[in-house]
Each structure stands twice: as C-alpha cells, then as structure tokens.
N, C-alpha and C. Protein backbone atom coordinates (compact mmCIF):
# COMPACT_ATOMS: atom_id res chain seq x y z
N MET A 1 -37.34 -16.78 -72.04
CA MET A 1 -36.08 -16.09 -72.21
C MET A 1 -36.09 -14.78 -71.44
N PHE A 2 -35.16 -14.63 -70.56
CA PHE A 2 -35.07 -13.41 -69.77
C PHE A 2 -34.56 -12.26 -70.63
N ARG A 3 -34.97 -11.06 -70.24
CA ARG A 3 -34.58 -9.87 -71.00
C ARG A 3 -33.74 -8.92 -70.15
N LEU A 4 -32.97 -9.47 -69.24
CA LEU A 4 -32.11 -8.62 -68.40
C LEU A 4 -31.15 -7.80 -69.25
N LYS A 5 -30.48 -8.46 -70.18
CA LYS A 5 -29.49 -7.79 -71.02
C LYS A 5 -30.13 -6.70 -71.88
N LYS A 6 -31.26 -7.02 -72.47
CA LYS A 6 -31.96 -6.06 -73.33
C LYS A 6 -32.30 -4.78 -72.54
N VAL A 7 -32.80 -4.95 -71.33
CA VAL A 7 -33.17 -3.80 -70.49
C VAL A 7 -31.92 -3.02 -70.09
N ARG A 8 -30.89 -3.72 -69.68
CA ARG A 8 -29.64 -3.06 -69.26
C ARG A 8 -29.03 -2.26 -70.41
N ILE A 9 -28.96 -2.86 -71.58
CA ILE A 9 -28.37 -2.17 -72.74
C ILE A 9 -29.22 -0.96 -73.13
N TYR A 10 -30.54 -1.11 -73.07
CA TYR A 10 -31.43 0.00 -73.38
C TYR A 10 -31.14 1.19 -72.46
N ALA A 11 -30.83 0.90 -71.20
CA ALA A 11 -30.53 1.95 -70.21
C ALA A 11 -29.09 2.44 -70.30
N ASP A 12 -28.30 1.81 -71.17
CA ASP A 12 -26.90 2.18 -71.38
C ASP A 12 -26.08 2.08 -70.09
N LEU A 13 -26.27 0.96 -69.38
CA LEU A 13 -25.51 0.70 -68.17
C LEU A 13 -24.64 -0.54 -68.38
N SER A 14 -23.54 -0.59 -67.66
CA SER A 14 -22.66 -1.77 -67.72
C SER A 14 -23.18 -2.83 -66.76
N GLN A 15 -22.69 -4.05 -66.95
CA GLN A 15 -23.02 -5.12 -66.00
C GLN A 15 -22.56 -4.73 -64.60
N GLN A 16 -21.39 -4.12 -64.50
CA GLN A 16 -20.85 -3.75 -63.19
C GLN A 16 -21.76 -2.74 -62.49
N GLU A 17 -22.27 -1.77 -63.24
CA GLU A 17 -23.15 -0.75 -62.64
C GLU A 17 -24.44 -1.40 -62.12
N VAL A 18 -25.00 -2.30 -62.89
CA VAL A 18 -26.23 -2.99 -62.45
C VAL A 18 -25.92 -3.89 -61.25
N ALA A 19 -24.81 -4.61 -61.32
CA ALA A 19 -24.41 -5.49 -60.21
C ALA A 19 -24.23 -4.68 -58.93
N ASN A 20 -23.59 -3.53 -59.03
CA ASN A 20 -23.40 -2.67 -57.85
C ASN A 20 -24.75 -2.27 -57.26
N TYR A 21 -25.69 -1.88 -58.10
CA TYR A 21 -27.00 -1.48 -57.62
C TYR A 21 -27.71 -2.65 -56.92
N LEU A 22 -27.54 -3.84 -57.48
CA LEU A 22 -28.21 -5.02 -56.91
C LEU A 22 -27.46 -5.58 -55.70
N GLY A 23 -26.24 -5.10 -55.47
CA GLY A 23 -25.45 -5.57 -54.33
C GLY A 23 -24.86 -6.95 -54.53
N VAL A 24 -24.50 -7.26 -55.79
CA VAL A 24 -23.92 -8.56 -56.12
C VAL A 24 -22.66 -8.35 -56.95
N SER A 25 -21.91 -9.41 -57.16
CA SER A 25 -20.72 -9.31 -57.99
C SER A 25 -21.13 -9.23 -59.46
N ARG A 26 -20.25 -8.69 -60.28
CA ARG A 26 -20.50 -8.64 -61.73
C ARG A 26 -20.65 -10.05 -62.28
N ASN A 27 -19.86 -10.98 -61.74
CA ASN A 27 -19.93 -12.37 -62.18
C ASN A 27 -21.32 -12.97 -61.91
N SER A 28 -21.87 -12.71 -60.74
CA SER A 28 -23.23 -13.20 -60.44
C SER A 28 -24.24 -12.62 -61.41
N TYR A 29 -24.16 -11.31 -61.61
CA TYR A 29 -25.11 -10.68 -62.53
C TYR A 29 -24.94 -11.24 -63.95
N ASN A 30 -23.71 -11.42 -64.36
CA ASN A 30 -23.43 -11.97 -65.69
C ASN A 30 -24.06 -13.36 -65.85
N MET A 31 -23.99 -14.17 -64.81
CA MET A 31 -24.59 -15.51 -64.85
C MET A 31 -26.11 -15.41 -65.06
N TRP A 32 -26.75 -14.45 -64.40
CA TRP A 32 -28.19 -14.26 -64.56
C TRP A 32 -28.51 -13.78 -65.97
N GLU A 33 -27.72 -12.83 -66.45
CA GLU A 33 -27.97 -12.26 -67.77
C GLU A 33 -27.80 -13.32 -68.87
N ARG A 34 -26.85 -14.20 -68.69
CA ARG A 34 -26.59 -15.27 -69.66
C ARG A 34 -27.50 -16.48 -69.43
N GLU A 35 -28.31 -16.42 -68.39
CA GLU A 35 -29.24 -17.48 -68.01
C GLU A 35 -28.54 -18.78 -67.62
N ASN A 36 -27.36 -18.63 -67.05
CA ASN A 36 -26.66 -19.78 -66.48
C ASN A 36 -27.13 -20.02 -65.05
N ASP A 37 -27.84 -19.06 -64.51
CA ASP A 37 -28.41 -19.14 -63.16
C ASP A 37 -29.66 -18.27 -63.18
N ILE A 38 -30.55 -18.47 -62.22
CA ILE A 38 -31.78 -17.68 -62.16
C ILE A 38 -31.64 -16.60 -61.11
N ILE A 39 -31.95 -15.39 -61.50
CA ILE A 39 -31.86 -14.25 -60.59
C ILE A 39 -32.84 -14.44 -59.42
N PRO A 40 -32.36 -14.26 -58.19
CA PRO A 40 -33.27 -14.38 -57.03
C PRO A 40 -34.37 -13.32 -57.10
N ILE A 41 -35.53 -13.65 -56.57
CA ILE A 41 -36.70 -12.79 -56.70
C ILE A 41 -36.48 -11.40 -56.13
N ARG A 42 -35.77 -11.26 -55.02
CA ARG A 42 -35.54 -9.92 -54.46
C ARG A 42 -34.66 -9.08 -55.38
N GLN A 43 -33.66 -9.69 -56.01
CA GLN A 43 -32.82 -8.96 -56.95
C GLN A 43 -33.61 -8.65 -58.23
N LEU A 44 -34.47 -9.55 -58.65
CA LEU A 44 -35.31 -9.27 -59.81
C LEU A 44 -36.21 -8.08 -59.53
N ASP A 45 -36.76 -8.01 -58.33
CA ASP A 45 -37.60 -6.88 -57.95
C ASP A 45 -36.80 -5.58 -57.97
N LYS A 46 -35.61 -5.59 -57.42
CA LYS A 46 -34.75 -4.40 -57.44
C LYS A 46 -34.42 -4.00 -58.88
N PHE A 47 -34.11 -4.98 -59.71
CA PHE A 47 -33.80 -4.73 -61.12
C PHE A 47 -35.00 -4.05 -61.80
N CYS A 48 -36.18 -4.62 -61.62
CA CYS A 48 -37.37 -4.06 -62.26
C CYS A 48 -37.70 -2.67 -61.74
N ASN A 49 -37.49 -2.44 -60.46
CA ASN A 49 -37.72 -1.10 -59.89
C ASN A 49 -36.72 -0.10 -60.43
N LEU A 50 -35.46 -0.51 -60.56
CA LEU A 50 -34.42 0.38 -61.09
C LEU A 50 -34.77 0.85 -62.50
N PHE A 51 -35.22 -0.06 -63.34
CA PHE A 51 -35.49 0.27 -64.73
C PHE A 51 -36.97 0.57 -65.02
N ASP A 52 -37.80 0.54 -63.97
CA ASP A 52 -39.22 0.79 -64.11
C ASP A 52 -39.82 -0.10 -65.20
N VAL A 53 -39.55 -1.38 -65.06
CA VAL A 53 -39.97 -2.38 -66.04
C VAL A 53 -40.73 -3.49 -65.33
N SER A 54 -41.65 -4.13 -66.05
CA SER A 54 -42.46 -5.18 -65.43
C SER A 54 -41.71 -6.51 -65.34
N PHE A 55 -42.06 -7.30 -64.34
CA PHE A 55 -41.56 -8.68 -64.24
C PHE A 55 -41.91 -9.42 -65.53
N ASP A 56 -43.14 -9.22 -65.99
CA ASP A 56 -43.61 -9.95 -67.17
C ASP A 56 -42.73 -9.67 -68.39
N PHE A 57 -42.29 -8.44 -68.56
CA PHE A 57 -41.41 -8.12 -69.68
C PHE A 57 -40.06 -8.80 -69.50
N VAL A 58 -39.46 -8.64 -68.33
CA VAL A 58 -38.13 -9.20 -68.08
C VAL A 58 -38.14 -10.72 -68.19
N LEU A 59 -39.21 -11.36 -67.74
CA LEU A 59 -39.29 -12.83 -67.79
C LEU A 59 -39.72 -13.34 -69.16
N GLY A 60 -40.04 -12.42 -70.07
CA GLY A 60 -40.43 -12.83 -71.42
C GLY A 60 -41.87 -13.28 -71.54
N PHE A 61 -42.71 -12.95 -70.55
CA PHE A 61 -44.12 -13.33 -70.58
C PHE A 61 -44.96 -12.38 -71.42
N SER A 62 -44.48 -11.14 -71.57
CA SER A 62 -45.27 -10.10 -72.21
C SER A 62 -44.32 -9.08 -72.85
N ASP A 63 -44.83 -8.36 -73.82
CA ASP A 63 -44.06 -7.28 -74.42
C ASP A 63 -44.40 -5.94 -73.78
N THR A 64 -45.18 -5.97 -72.71
CA THR A 64 -45.52 -4.76 -71.98
C THR A 64 -44.36 -4.37 -71.08
N TRP A 65 -43.70 -3.26 -71.43
CA TRP A 65 -42.53 -2.80 -70.68
C TRP A 65 -42.90 -2.51 -69.23
N LYS A 66 -43.99 -1.78 -69.03
CA LYS A 66 -44.43 -1.50 -67.65
C LYS A 66 -45.93 -1.34 -67.63
N TYR A 67 -46.50 -1.62 -66.47
CA TYR A 67 -47.92 -1.44 -66.26
C TYR A 67 -48.14 -0.06 -65.64
N GLN A 68 -49.39 0.41 -65.73
CA GLN A 68 -49.73 1.73 -65.20
C GLN A 68 -49.25 1.87 -63.76
N GLU A 69 -49.59 0.89 -62.95
CA GLU A 69 -49.12 0.87 -61.57
C GLU A 69 -47.95 -0.10 -61.52
N ASN A 70 -46.98 0.20 -60.70
CA ASN A 70 -45.82 -0.68 -60.61
C ASN A 70 -45.19 -0.49 -59.24
N LYS A 71 -45.67 -1.27 -58.30
CA LYS A 71 -45.21 -1.15 -56.92
C LYS A 71 -44.10 -2.15 -56.65
N PRO A 72 -43.39 -1.99 -55.54
CA PRO A 72 -42.42 -3.02 -55.16
C PRO A 72 -43.16 -4.33 -54.85
N MET A 73 -42.46 -5.43 -54.99
CA MET A 73 -43.03 -6.74 -54.68
C MET A 73 -43.54 -6.76 -53.24
N ASN A 74 -44.64 -7.49 -53.02
CA ASN A 74 -45.24 -7.60 -51.70
C ASN A 74 -45.30 -9.08 -51.34
N SER A 75 -44.40 -9.51 -50.44
CA SER A 75 -44.30 -10.94 -50.12
C SER A 75 -45.56 -11.49 -49.47
N LYS A 76 -46.30 -10.68 -48.72
CA LYS A 76 -47.55 -11.15 -48.11
C LYS A 76 -48.60 -11.40 -49.19
N LEU A 77 -48.71 -10.47 -50.14
CA LEU A 77 -49.65 -10.65 -51.24
C LEU A 77 -49.25 -11.84 -52.12
N LEU A 78 -47.96 -12.01 -52.32
CA LEU A 78 -47.45 -13.14 -53.11
C LEU A 78 -47.96 -14.45 -52.51
N ALA A 79 -47.79 -14.62 -51.22
CA ALA A 79 -48.24 -15.85 -50.55
C ALA A 79 -49.75 -16.04 -50.69
N LYS A 80 -50.50 -14.96 -50.46
CA LYS A 80 -51.97 -15.06 -50.54
C LYS A 80 -52.43 -15.36 -51.96
N ARG A 81 -51.79 -14.71 -52.93
CA ARG A 81 -52.24 -14.88 -54.31
C ARG A 81 -51.91 -16.25 -54.88
N ILE A 82 -50.75 -16.79 -54.54
CA ILE A 82 -50.45 -18.13 -55.08
C ILE A 82 -51.38 -19.17 -54.47
N LYS A 83 -51.73 -18.98 -53.22
CA LYS A 83 -52.68 -19.91 -52.59
C LYS A 83 -54.07 -19.76 -53.21
N ARG A 84 -54.52 -18.52 -53.35
CA ARG A 84 -55.86 -18.26 -53.90
C ARG A 84 -55.98 -18.78 -55.33
N ILE A 85 -55.00 -18.47 -56.17
CA ILE A 85 -55.05 -18.89 -57.58
C ILE A 85 -55.05 -20.42 -57.68
N ARG A 86 -54.21 -21.06 -56.88
CA ARG A 86 -54.16 -22.53 -56.91
C ARG A 86 -55.52 -23.10 -56.51
N ARG A 87 -56.09 -22.58 -55.42
CA ARG A 87 -57.37 -23.10 -54.93
C ARG A 87 -58.51 -22.81 -55.91
N GLU A 88 -58.54 -21.60 -56.49
CA GLU A 88 -59.60 -21.25 -57.45
C GLU A 88 -59.57 -22.16 -58.68
N ASN A 89 -58.41 -22.69 -58.98
CA ASN A 89 -58.27 -23.59 -60.12
C ASN A 89 -58.39 -25.07 -59.73
N ASP A 90 -58.79 -25.31 -58.48
CA ASP A 90 -58.98 -26.67 -57.97
C ASP A 90 -57.76 -27.55 -58.19
N VAL A 91 -56.60 -26.99 -57.90
CA VAL A 91 -55.35 -27.74 -58.01
C VAL A 91 -54.82 -27.94 -56.59
N THR A 92 -54.51 -29.17 -56.25
CA THR A 92 -53.97 -29.44 -54.92
C THR A 92 -52.48 -29.09 -54.89
N GLN A 93 -51.96 -28.96 -53.70
CA GLN A 93 -50.51 -28.74 -53.56
C GLN A 93 -49.75 -29.91 -54.16
N ASP A 94 -50.24 -31.12 -53.95
CA ASP A 94 -49.58 -32.31 -54.50
C ASP A 94 -49.56 -32.28 -56.03
N GLU A 95 -50.68 -31.91 -56.64
CA GLU A 95 -50.75 -31.84 -58.11
C GLU A 95 -49.79 -30.78 -58.66
N LEU A 96 -49.79 -29.63 -58.01
CA LEU A 96 -48.90 -28.55 -58.47
C LEU A 96 -47.44 -28.91 -58.26
N ALA A 97 -47.15 -29.55 -57.13
CA ALA A 97 -45.77 -29.97 -56.86
C ALA A 97 -45.28 -30.93 -57.94
N LYS A 98 -46.14 -31.85 -58.32
CA LYS A 98 -45.76 -32.81 -59.35
C LYS A 98 -45.54 -32.10 -60.69
N ALA A 99 -46.43 -31.19 -61.04
CA ALA A 99 -46.34 -30.47 -62.31
C ALA A 99 -45.09 -29.58 -62.38
N LEU A 100 -44.72 -28.99 -61.25
CA LEU A 100 -43.57 -28.06 -61.23
C LEU A 100 -42.29 -28.72 -60.74
N ASN A 101 -42.37 -30.00 -60.43
CA ASN A 101 -41.21 -30.77 -60.00
C ASN A 101 -40.54 -30.20 -58.74
N ILE A 102 -41.38 -29.88 -57.76
CA ILE A 102 -40.89 -29.45 -56.45
C ILE A 102 -41.67 -30.21 -55.39
N THR A 103 -41.34 -29.99 -54.13
CA THR A 103 -42.05 -30.71 -53.07
C THR A 103 -43.32 -29.97 -52.65
N ARG A 104 -44.29 -30.75 -52.18
CA ARG A 104 -45.51 -30.15 -51.64
C ARG A 104 -45.16 -29.27 -50.45
N SER A 105 -44.17 -29.69 -49.68
CA SER A 105 -43.73 -28.93 -48.52
C SER A 105 -43.24 -27.53 -48.92
N SER A 106 -42.54 -27.44 -50.03
CA SER A 106 -42.07 -26.13 -50.50
C SER A 106 -43.25 -25.23 -50.84
N ILE A 107 -44.23 -25.79 -51.52
CA ILE A 107 -45.41 -25.00 -51.88
C ILE A 107 -46.13 -24.53 -50.62
N SER A 108 -46.27 -25.40 -49.66
CA SER A 108 -46.92 -25.04 -48.40
C SER A 108 -46.16 -23.90 -47.71
N LYS A 109 -44.86 -23.97 -47.71
CA LYS A 109 -44.04 -22.91 -47.09
C LYS A 109 -44.19 -21.58 -47.83
N TYR A 110 -44.28 -21.63 -49.16
CA TYR A 110 -44.48 -20.39 -49.94
C TYR A 110 -45.86 -19.80 -49.65
N GLU A 111 -46.88 -20.66 -49.62
CA GLU A 111 -48.25 -20.18 -49.42
C GLU A 111 -48.50 -19.68 -48.01
N ASN A 112 -47.73 -20.14 -47.05
CA ASN A 112 -47.93 -19.74 -45.65
C ASN A 112 -46.87 -18.76 -45.16
N GLU A 113 -46.13 -18.17 -46.10
CA GLU A 113 -45.13 -17.14 -45.80
C GLU A 113 -43.99 -17.62 -44.92
N VAL A 114 -43.75 -18.91 -44.88
CA VAL A 114 -42.61 -19.43 -44.13
C VAL A 114 -41.34 -19.12 -44.90
N ASN A 115 -41.39 -19.33 -46.23
CA ASN A 115 -40.27 -19.01 -47.13
C ASN A 115 -40.80 -18.14 -48.27
N LEU A 116 -39.96 -17.24 -48.74
CA LEU A 116 -40.28 -16.47 -49.93
C LEU A 116 -40.12 -17.39 -51.14
N ALA A 117 -41.10 -17.37 -52.02
CA ALA A 117 -41.06 -18.23 -53.21
C ALA A 117 -39.84 -17.93 -54.06
N LEU A 118 -39.24 -18.98 -54.59
CA LEU A 118 -38.10 -18.83 -55.48
C LEU A 118 -38.56 -18.31 -56.84
N THR A 119 -37.67 -17.63 -57.53
CA THR A 119 -37.99 -17.12 -58.87
C THR A 119 -38.42 -18.27 -59.78
N SER A 120 -37.71 -19.38 -59.70
CA SER A 120 -38.05 -20.53 -60.56
C SER A 120 -39.47 -21.02 -60.29
N TYR A 121 -39.91 -21.00 -59.03
CA TYR A 121 -41.27 -21.40 -58.70
C TYR A 121 -42.27 -20.40 -59.27
N ILE A 122 -41.99 -19.11 -59.11
CA ILE A 122 -42.90 -18.08 -59.62
C ILE A 122 -43.04 -18.20 -61.14
N ILE A 123 -41.94 -18.44 -61.82
CA ILE A 123 -41.98 -18.62 -63.28
C ILE A 123 -42.86 -19.82 -63.64
N GLY A 124 -42.60 -20.95 -62.99
CA GLY A 124 -43.39 -22.14 -63.25
C GLY A 124 -44.86 -21.95 -62.92
N PHE A 125 -45.13 -21.32 -61.80
CA PHE A 125 -46.50 -21.05 -61.36
C PHE A 125 -47.23 -20.19 -62.39
N CYS A 126 -46.58 -19.12 -62.82
CA CYS A 126 -47.21 -18.20 -63.78
C CYS A 126 -47.45 -18.89 -65.12
N LYS A 127 -46.53 -19.73 -65.54
CA LYS A 127 -46.74 -20.47 -66.79
C LYS A 127 -47.87 -21.48 -66.64
N TYR A 128 -47.92 -22.15 -65.51
CA TYR A 128 -48.93 -23.18 -65.27
C TYR A 128 -50.34 -22.58 -65.27
N PHE A 129 -50.50 -21.42 -64.60
CA PHE A 129 -51.81 -20.79 -64.48
C PHE A 129 -52.03 -19.65 -65.47
N HIS A 130 -51.03 -19.35 -66.31
CA HIS A 130 -51.12 -18.29 -67.32
C HIS A 130 -51.48 -16.94 -66.69
N VAL A 131 -50.81 -16.64 -65.60
CA VAL A 131 -51.10 -15.42 -64.86
C VAL A 131 -49.85 -14.54 -64.79
N SER A 132 -50.06 -13.26 -64.71
CA SER A 132 -48.97 -12.28 -64.66
C SER A 132 -48.11 -12.43 -63.41
N ALA A 133 -46.79 -12.42 -63.61
CA ALA A 133 -45.87 -12.45 -62.47
C ALA A 133 -45.98 -11.14 -61.67
N ASP A 134 -46.31 -10.06 -62.33
CA ASP A 134 -46.48 -8.78 -61.62
C ASP A 134 -47.69 -8.85 -60.70
N PHE A 135 -48.76 -9.48 -61.16
CA PHE A 135 -49.93 -9.65 -60.30
C PHE A 135 -49.63 -10.59 -59.14
N VAL A 136 -49.05 -11.72 -59.45
CA VAL A 136 -48.77 -12.73 -58.42
C VAL A 136 -47.89 -12.16 -57.31
N THR A 137 -46.92 -11.34 -57.67
CA THR A 137 -45.99 -10.79 -56.68
C THR A 137 -46.47 -9.50 -56.03
N GLY A 138 -47.67 -9.05 -56.39
CA GLY A 138 -48.24 -7.86 -55.76
C GLY A 138 -47.75 -6.54 -56.34
N LYS A 139 -47.05 -6.58 -57.46
CA LYS A 139 -46.57 -5.35 -58.07
C LYS A 139 -47.69 -4.57 -58.75
N ILE A 140 -48.73 -5.29 -59.17
CA ILE A 140 -49.93 -4.67 -59.73
C ILE A 140 -51.14 -5.31 -59.09
N ASP A 141 -52.27 -4.59 -59.10
CA ASP A 141 -53.48 -5.11 -58.49
C ASP A 141 -54.42 -5.78 -59.49
N GLU A 142 -54.29 -5.43 -60.77
CA GLU A 142 -55.16 -6.01 -61.80
C GLU A 142 -54.69 -7.41 -62.14
N GLU A 143 -55.61 -8.35 -62.06
CA GLU A 143 -55.25 -9.74 -62.38
C GLU A 143 -55.20 -9.89 -63.89
N ILE A 144 -53.99 -10.07 -64.42
CA ILE A 144 -53.78 -10.18 -65.85
C ILE A 144 -53.42 -11.63 -66.18
N PHE A 145 -54.11 -12.16 -67.18
CA PHE A 145 -53.80 -13.50 -67.64
C PHE A 145 -53.01 -13.40 -68.93
N LEU A 146 -51.99 -14.21 -69.02
CA LEU A 146 -51.05 -14.13 -70.13
C LEU A 146 -51.13 -15.35 -71.03
N LYS A 147 -50.73 -15.15 -72.25
CA LYS A 147 -50.59 -16.26 -73.19
C LYS A 147 -49.14 -16.69 -73.12
N VAL A 148 -48.84 -17.54 -72.13
CA VAL A 148 -47.46 -18.02 -71.97
C VAL A 148 -47.44 -19.52 -72.22
N GLU A 149 -46.35 -19.99 -72.75
CA GLU A 149 -46.21 -21.42 -73.04
C GLU A 149 -46.02 -22.17 -71.73
N ASN A 150 -46.84 -23.17 -71.53
CA ASN A 150 -46.72 -24.03 -70.35
C ASN A 150 -45.82 -25.19 -70.72
N LYS A 151 -44.57 -25.16 -70.26
CA LYS A 151 -43.61 -26.20 -70.60
C LYS A 151 -43.63 -27.35 -69.61
N ASN A 152 -44.51 -27.30 -68.64
CA ASN A 152 -44.54 -28.35 -67.61
C ASN A 152 -45.57 -29.40 -67.95
C-alpha cells in the first residue's frame, strides 16, 4: 500500500501543489495516490526528495520515514545493484522474469542501463529479494533487508 496521501497530508499540501511540483496533472497524481496507476520512478524520486521521505516508507515496505543518508536516485547504481543482487542470489533472468511476470528482455535492459526500471519492477524486485528500494535505487549506500511480503 502506497503512502503518497499520508505523506502529502502530513505536509499539509494539496494534490494540485504536489502535482505542480512533479510536473504532472492533478488527475495523474490523484490516480497514483488512489493506486489506480503506479507512479513512475522518476516522479516517485522527486516526491520522496520533496518530502525528505524514503522510498521504503512511501511504498509501504518500512515504517522508517527517512534514512540518515538520502540521496537522489542513481540510475547507474540501480542497474548495477539489481544485477548484483540477482546474481548473488543465483537467480537467472529467466527465473526472475517468470516470478515477476515480465520478459527476460526487460530485465536485461534494466540491468544494462538500456531502460530505466519501472516502478512496478522495482517493487516486485524488492519484494522478491526482501531488499530496500532505497538501497536498490542508490538513495542509500547501506544494504538493508526488509521483512516484506512476497506476493509473487
């Protein structure tokens, strides 16, 4: 369960104000807040930076509002870390693709920086490996493992 609304209300901002900051329409932001659509990873990063909140908190992985260090997302580190974590766990791209219901080609493109990983993939990846989304995306350097429900 995403916590976009909880964070926005805590900051006493309207949907329109947050949408303006993210460079999207209020309707788009509303869809993300209501979980009718998934917020793109770059907008999620902007949202977390605006409110100084962790990906893990917003994605419902942790009750930790923010980590000591909290840098902007790093797409190069994201690609390296998803590849490293997958390999360290002896999971092939084919196995992960099947578990997350995506193509092996998509995983290869994410791991080789051809495409930026989708938010839905990052969520699934973090649940599958029980690892922090903040670590995976390079927002923090400490590798944190989470107790998240693996629904895959």
